[in-house]
Amino acid sequence: MSENKVNLFYEEFSSLLGVETIEISKNSILSEFEWDSMALISTMALIDEIFGIVVSGDQLTECVSVGDILKLVEE
């Protein structure tokens, strides 16, 4: 997984959540943001767009942090 793709993910993910990119890191806890069903669906599309990987809603629901999401795309 390239650093460019991770940085792009951080930028797009922060926009999706309505926060500054600087607020997003691997250690960011999803429940501290507006992590709702719309954000989850949008994140699924974002992962597919950036990484070319399809993840399920169930997989994302199990994620606690941004790092957990990134682990899904590493596999």
C-alpha atoms as a PDB file:
ATOM      1  CA  MET A   1       0.000   0.000   0.000  1.00  0.00           C
ATOM      2  CA  SER A   2       1.585   3.239  -1.120  1.00  0.00           C
ATOM      3  CA  GLU A   3       1.957   6.266   1.113  1.00  0.00           C
ATOM      4  CA  ASN A   4       0.335   8.403  -1.586  1.00  0.00           C
ATOM      5  CA  LYS A   5      -2.808   6.286  -1.481  1.00  0.00           C
ATOM      6  CA  VAL A   6      -2.907   6.434   2.325  1.00  0.00           C
ATOM      7  CA  ASN A   7      -2.533  10.224   2.258  1.00  0.00           C
ATOM      8  CA  LEU A   8      -5.272  10.485  -0.371  1.00  0.00           C
ATOM      9  CA  PHE A   9      -7.472   8.278   1.804  1.00  0.00           C
ATOM     10  CA  TYR A  10      -6.843  10.536   4.828  1.00  0.00           C
ATOM     11  CA  GLU A  11      -7.743  13.631   2.778  1.00  0.00           C
ATOM     12  CA  GLU A  12     -10.937  12.157   1.340  1.00  0.00           C
ATOM     13  CA  PHE A  13     -11.941  10.443   4.579  1.00  0.00           C
ATOM     14  CA  SER A  14     -11.542  13.658   6.574  1.00  0.00           C
ATOM     15  CA  SER A  15     -13.678  15.487   4.026  1.00  0.00           C
ATOM     16  CA  LEU A  16     -16.297  12.756   4.279  1.00  0.00           C
ATOM     17  CA  LEU A  17     -16.368  13.166   8.082  1.00  0.00           C
ATOM     18  CA  GLY A  18     -16.291  16.956   7.940  1.00  0.00           C
ATOM     19  CA  VAL A  19     -13.017  17.338   9.842  1.00  0.00           C
ATOM     20  CA  GLU A  20      -9.542  18.635   9.008  1.00  0.00           C
ATOM     21  CA  THR A  21      -7.110  16.138   7.493  1.00  0.00           C
ATOM     22  CA  ILE A  22      -4.723  16.743  10.387  1.00  0.00           C
ATOM     23  CA  GLU A  23      -7.334  15.202  12.721  1.00  0.00           C
ATOM     24  CA  ILE A  24      -7.086  11.831  10.943  1.00  0.00           C
ATOM     25  CA  SER A  25      -4.380   9.289  11.768  1.00  0.00           C
ATOM     26  CA  LYS A  26      -4.143   5.532  12.200  1.00  0.00           C
ATOM     27  CA  ASN A  27      -4.929   6.023  15.880  1.00  0.00           C
ATOM     28  CA  SER A  28      -8.093   8.074  15.297  1.00  0.00           C
ATOM     29  CA  ILE A  29     -11.097   6.431  16.961  1.00  0.00           C
ATOM     30  CA  LEU A  30     -14.058   6.305  14.594  1.00  0.00           C
ATOM     31  CA  SER A  31     -16.681   6.845  17.305  1.00  0.00           C
ATOM     32  CA  GLU A  32     -15.144  10.274  18.000  1.00  0.00           C
ATOM     33  CA  PHE A  33     -16.377  11.410  14.578  1.00  0.00           C
ATOM     34  CA  GLU A  34     -19.782  11.330  12.907  1.00  0.00           C
ATOM     35  CA  TRP A  35     -19.301   7.652  12.087  1.00  0.00           C
ATOM     36  CA  ASP A  36     -22.835   6.743  11.010  1.00  0.00           C
ATOM     37  CA  SER A  37     -24.357   4.527   8.333  1.00  0.00           C
ATOM     38  CA  MET A  38     -23.875   7.159   5.608  1.00  0.00           C
ATOM     39  CA  ALA A  39     -20.209   7.569   6.533  1.00  0.00           C
ATOM     40  CA  LEU A  40     -19.814   3.796   6.485  1.00  0.00           C
ATOM     41  CA  ILE A  41     -21.320   3.475   2.993  1.00  0.00           C
ATOM     42  CA  SER A  42     -19.279   6.414   1.717  1.00  0.00           C
ATOM     43  CA  THR A  43     -16.129   4.855   3.172  1.00  0.00           C
ATOM     44  CA  MET A  44     -16.861   1.597   1.351  1.00  0.00           C
ATOM     45  CA  ALA A  45     -17.018   3.537  -1.931  1.00  0.00           C
ATOM     46  CA  LEU A  46     -13.891   5.520  -1.051  1.00  0.00           C
ATOM     47  CA  ILE A  47     -11.883   2.353  -0.345  1.00  0.00           C
ATOM     48  CA  ASP A  48     -12.989   0.872  -3.658  1.00  0.00           C
ATOM     49  CA  GLU A  49     -12.084   4.084  -5.502  1.00  0.00           C
ATOM     50  CA  ILE A  50      -8.637   4.567  -3.952  1.00  0.00           C
ATOM     51  CA  PHE A  51      -7.459   1.029  -3.276  1.00  0.00           C
ATOM     52  CA  GLY A  52      -9.580  -0.985  -5.719  1.00  0.00           C
ATOM     53  CA  ILE A  53     -10.762  -3.221  -2.882  1.00  0.00           C
ATOM     54  CA  VAL A  54     -14.338  -4.055  -1.987  1.00  0.00           C
ATOM     55  CA  VAL A  55     -15.020  -4.259   1.744  1.00  0.00           C
ATOM     56  CA  SER A  56     -18.329  -5.141   3.330  1.00  0.00           C
ATOM     57  CA  GLY A  57     -20.344  -3.091   5.752  1.00  0.00           C
ATOM     58  CA  ASP A  58     -19.810  -5.848   8.313  1.00  0.00           C
ATOM     59  CA  GLN A  59     -16.037  -5.534   7.978  1.00  0.00           C
ATOM     60  CA  LEU A  60     -16.190  -1.765   8.475  1.00  0.00           C
ATOM     61  CA  THR A  61     -18.602  -2.065  11.394  1.00  0.00           C
ATOM     62  CA  GLU A  62     -15.968  -4.105  13.236  1.00  0.00           C
ATOM     63  CA  CYS A  63     -13.369  -1.329  12.811  1.00  0.00           C
ATOM     64  CA  VAL A  64     -12.682   0.815  15.872  1.00  0.00           C
ATOM     65  CA  SER A  65      -9.934   3.056  14.463  1.00  0.00           C
ATOM     66  CA  VAL A  66      -8.744   4.394  11.128  1.00  0.00           C
ATOM     67  CA  GLY A  67      -5.846   1.961  11.464  1.00  0.00           C
ATOM     68  CA  ASP A  68      -8.350  -0.910  11.508  1.00  0.00           C
ATOM     69  CA  ILE A  69      -9.753   0.330   8.191  1.00  0.00           C
ATOM     70  CA  LEU A  70      -6.267   0.498   6.710  1.00  0.00           C
ATOM     71  CA  LYS A  71      -5.606  -3.083   7.841  1.00  0.00           C
ATOM     72  CA  LEU A  72      -8.569  -4.154   5.704  1.00  0.00           C
ATOM     73  CA  VAL A  73      -6.958  -2.732   2.583  1.00  0.00           C
ATOM     74  CA  GLU A  74      -3.556  -4.242   3.393  1.00  0.00           C
ATOM     75  CA  GLU A  75      -4.906  -7.790   3.364  1.00  0.00           C
END
